[in-house]
């Protein structure tokens, strides 16, 4: 990912694979805190979002005192 793409993602996401990042951006998520309102099961349904990416995103949310949304 280029630096300009990273800047467009606002608060950004931790380093996840390109398919997972494309899935997030394609679904309209541009900042990590937005995921705090989304259930993990919903994110898992996105094409390109795998268990490793979900774990990394969950850890990044936890570092900010956030969690995935409720089911």
N, C-alpha and C. Protein backbone atom coordinates (compact mmCIF):
# COMPACT_ATOMS: atom_id res chain seq x y z
N UNK A 1 0.85 -1.16 0.00
CA UNK A 1 0.00 0.00 0.00
C UNK A 1 0.90 1.22 0.00
N UNK A 2 0.52 2.20 -0.78
CA UNK A 2 1.32 3.41 -0.84
C UNK A 2 0.99 4.31 0.34
N UNK A 3 1.86 5.27 0.58
CA UNK A 3 1.65 6.18 1.69
C UNK A 3 0.38 7.00 1.50
N UNK A 4 0.06 7.36 0.27
CA UNK A 4 -1.15 8.15 0.03
C UNK A 4 -2.39 7.34 0.33
N UNK A 5 -2.39 6.04 0.02
CA UNK A 5 -3.53 5.20 0.36
C UNK A 5 -3.69 5.12 1.86
N UNK A 6 -2.59 5.00 2.58
CA UNK A 6 -2.64 4.92 4.03
C UNK A 6 -3.23 6.20 4.62
N UNK A 7 -2.89 7.33 4.05
CA UNK A 7 -3.38 8.60 4.55
C UNK A 7 -4.89 8.73 4.33
N UNK A 8 -5.41 8.09 3.32
CA UNK A 8 -6.83 8.17 3.02
C UNK A 8 -7.66 7.34 3.99
N UNK A 9 -7.06 6.49 4.79
CA UNK A 9 -7.81 5.63 5.68
C UNK A 9 -7.97 6.24 7.06
N UNK A 10 -7.77 7.53 7.21
CA UNK A 10 -8.02 8.20 8.48
C UNK A 10 -7.20 7.60 9.60
N UNK A 11 -7.89 7.10 10.62
CA UNK A 11 -7.22 6.48 11.77
C UNK A 11 -6.54 5.19 11.35
N UNK A 12 -6.84 4.75 10.15
CA UNK A 12 -6.17 3.60 9.58
C UNK A 12 -6.45 2.29 10.27
N UNK A 13 -5.86 1.28 9.73
CA UNK A 13 -6.00 -0.07 10.24
C UNK A 13 -4.61 -0.61 10.52
N UNK A 14 -4.51 -1.57 11.40
CA UNK A 14 -3.21 -2.21 11.60
C UNK A 14 -2.83 -2.97 10.34
N UNK A 15 -1.63 -3.44 10.28
CA UNK A 15 -1.16 -4.15 9.10
C UNK A 15 -1.89 -5.49 8.97
N UNK A 16 -2.81 -5.54 8.04
CA UNK A 16 -3.52 -6.78 7.70
C UNK A 16 -3.26 -7.05 6.22
N UNK A 17 -3.60 -8.22 5.77
CA UNK A 17 -3.38 -8.56 4.38
C UNK A 17 -4.18 -7.68 3.44
N UNK A 18 -3.69 -7.58 2.21
CA UNK A 18 -4.36 -6.75 1.21
C UNK A 18 -5.81 -7.16 0.98
N UNK A 19 -6.14 -8.47 0.92
CA UNK A 19 -7.55 -8.82 0.71
C UNK A 19 -8.45 -8.32 1.85
N UNK A 20 -7.96 -8.39 3.08
CA UNK A 20 -8.75 -7.92 4.21
C UNK A 20 -8.91 -6.40 4.16
N UNK A 21 -7.86 -5.70 3.83
CA UNK A 21 -7.93 -4.24 3.73
C UNK A 21 -8.90 -3.84 2.62
N UNK A 22 -8.82 -4.51 1.48
CA UNK A 22 -9.76 -4.21 0.38
C UNK A 22 -11.20 -4.48 0.81
N UNK A 23 -11.40 -5.55 1.57
CA UNK A 23 -12.74 -5.89 2.05
C UNK A 23 -13.28 -4.78 2.96
N UNK A 24 -12.45 -4.30 3.86
CA UNK A 24 -12.87 -3.23 4.77
C UNK A 24 -13.19 -1.95 4.01
N UNK A 25 -12.29 -1.55 3.13
CA UNK A 25 -12.50 -0.32 2.38
C UNK A 25 -13.70 -0.45 1.45
N UNK A 26 -13.85 -1.63 0.84
CA UNK A 26 -14.99 -1.86 -0.05
C UNK A 26 -16.32 -1.81 0.67
N UNK A 27 -16.31 -2.17 1.95
CA UNK A 27 -17.53 -2.13 2.75
C UNK A 27 -17.77 -0.75 3.36
N UNK A 28 -16.85 0.19 3.09
CA UNK A 28 -17.03 1.55 3.54
C UNK A 28 -16.37 1.89 4.87
N UNK A 29 -15.58 0.99 5.41
CA UNK A 29 -14.87 1.26 6.66
C UNK A 29 -13.54 1.91 6.33
N UNK A 30 -13.31 3.08 6.90
CA UNK A 30 -12.08 3.80 6.62
C UNK A 30 -11.25 4.06 7.86
N UNK A 31 -11.83 3.82 9.04
CA UNK A 31 -11.12 4.05 10.29
C UNK A 31 -11.37 2.89 11.25
N UNK A 32 -10.36 2.53 11.99
CA UNK A 32 -10.47 1.42 12.94
C UNK A 32 -11.62 1.60 13.93
N UNK A 33 -11.83 2.77 14.51
CA UNK A 33 -12.91 2.90 15.49
C UNK A 33 -14.30 2.58 14.94
N UNK A 34 -14.49 2.66 13.63
CA UNK A 34 -15.77 2.31 13.04
C UNK A 34 -16.12 0.84 13.31
N UNK A 35 -15.11 0.01 13.45
CA UNK A 35 -15.34 -1.42 13.64
C UNK A 35 -15.90 -1.74 15.01
N UNK A 36 -15.83 -0.78 15.94
CA UNK A 36 -16.37 -1.00 17.28
C UNK A 36 -17.89 -1.09 17.27
N UNK A 37 -18.52 -0.69 16.18
CA UNK A 37 -19.97 -0.79 16.08
C UNK A 37 -20.41 -1.97 15.22
N UNK A 38 -19.45 -2.79 14.79
CA UNK A 38 -19.75 -3.90 13.88
C UNK A 38 -19.44 -5.23 14.58
N UNK A 39 -20.41 -6.15 14.58
CA UNK A 39 -20.13 -7.47 15.15
C UNK A 39 -19.04 -8.20 14.37
N UNK A 40 -18.21 -8.91 15.09
CA UNK A 40 -17.12 -9.66 14.45
C UNK A 40 -17.67 -10.64 13.40
N UNK A 41 -18.82 -11.23 13.68
CA UNK A 41 -19.42 -12.18 12.72
C UNK A 41 -19.75 -11.51 11.39
N UNK A 42 -20.15 -10.24 11.45
CA UNK A 42 -20.46 -9.51 10.22
C UNK A 42 -19.19 -9.26 9.41
N UNK A 43 -18.13 -8.88 10.09
CA UNK A 43 -16.86 -8.66 9.39
C UNK A 43 -16.34 -9.95 8.78
N UNK A 44 -16.54 -11.05 9.48
CA UNK A 44 -16.07 -12.35 8.99
C UNK A 44 -16.74 -12.74 7.67
N UNK A 45 -17.90 -12.17 7.40
CA UNK A 45 -18.63 -12.48 6.17
C UNK A 45 -18.04 -11.77 4.95
N UNK A 46 -17.23 -10.74 5.18
CA UNK A 46 -16.65 -9.99 4.06
C UNK A 46 -15.66 -10.86 3.30
N UNK A 47 -15.76 -10.86 1.99
CA UNK A 47 -14.85 -11.63 1.16
C UNK A 47 -13.44 -11.07 1.32
N UNK A 48 -12.53 -11.92 1.76
CA UNK A 48 -11.14 -11.51 1.96
C UNK A 48 -10.77 -11.34 3.42
N UNK A 49 -11.77 -11.39 4.29
CA UNK A 49 -11.53 -11.22 5.72
C UNK A 49 -11.37 -12.60 6.36
N UNK A 50 -10.17 -12.89 6.82
CA UNK A 50 -9.90 -14.18 7.42
C UNK A 50 -9.71 -14.09 8.92
N UNK A 51 -9.53 -15.23 9.57
CA UNK A 51 -9.36 -15.27 11.03
C UNK A 51 -8.16 -14.47 11.52
N UNK A 52 -7.07 -14.49 10.78
CA UNK A 52 -5.88 -13.77 11.20
C UNK A 52 -6.14 -12.26 11.19
N UNK A 53 -6.76 -11.77 10.13
CA UNK A 53 -7.07 -10.35 10.04
C UNK A 53 -8.02 -9.93 11.15
N UNK A 54 -9.02 -10.76 11.44
CA UNK A 54 -9.95 -10.46 12.52
C UNK A 54 -9.22 -10.39 13.86
N UNK A 55 -8.27 -11.29 14.08
CA UNK A 55 -7.51 -11.29 15.32
C UNK A 55 -6.70 -10.00 15.44
N UNK A 56 -6.03 -9.62 14.36
CA UNK A 56 -5.21 -8.41 14.36
C UNK A 56 -6.08 -7.18 14.60
N UNK A 57 -7.23 -7.11 13.95
CA UNK A 57 -8.13 -5.98 14.13
C UNK A 57 -8.66 -5.94 15.56
N UNK A 58 -9.01 -7.10 16.09
CA UNK A 58 -9.50 -7.17 17.47
C UNK A 58 -8.46 -6.71 18.46
N UNK A 59 -7.21 -7.10 18.25
CA UNK A 59 -6.12 -6.67 19.14
C UNK A 59 -5.91 -5.16 19.05
N UNK A 60 -6.02 -4.62 17.84
CA UNK A 60 -5.84 -3.17 17.67
C UNK A 60 -6.97 -2.40 18.35
N UNK A 61 -8.19 -2.93 18.27
CA UNK A 61 -9.30 -2.30 18.96
C UNK A 61 -9.07 -2.32 20.47
N UNK A 62 -8.64 -3.47 20.98
CA UNK A 62 -8.39 -3.61 22.41
C UNK A 62 -7.35 -2.62 22.89
N UNK A 63 -6.31 -2.40 22.10
CA UNK A 63 -5.27 -1.43 22.46
C UNK A 63 -5.84 -0.02 22.62
N UNK A 64 -6.94 0.24 21.95
CA UNK A 64 -7.58 1.56 22.03
C UNK A 64 -8.75 1.56 23.01
N UNK A 65 -8.91 0.46 23.73
CA UNK A 65 -10.00 0.37 24.70
C UNK A 65 -11.35 0.09 24.07
N UNK A 66 -11.35 -0.47 22.86
CA UNK A 66 -12.58 -0.76 22.13
C UNK A 66 -12.71 -2.25 21.90
N UNK A 67 -13.88 -2.67 21.49
CA UNK A 67 -14.12 -4.07 21.08
C UNK A 67 -15.03 -4.06 19.87
N UNK A 68 -15.15 -5.20 19.23
CA UNK A 68 -16.12 -5.31 18.12
C UNK A 68 -17.52 -5.09 18.68
N UNK A 69 -18.45 -4.73 17.81
CA UNK A 69 -19.82 -4.51 18.22
C UNK A 69 -20.48 -5.80 18.70
N UNK A 70 -21.62 -5.63 19.36
CA UNK A 70 -22.38 -6.79 19.86
C UNK A 70 -23.10 -7.47 18.72
N UNK A 71 -23.28 -8.78 18.85
CA UNK A 71 -24.03 -9.56 17.83
C UNK A 71 -25.50 -9.25 17.86
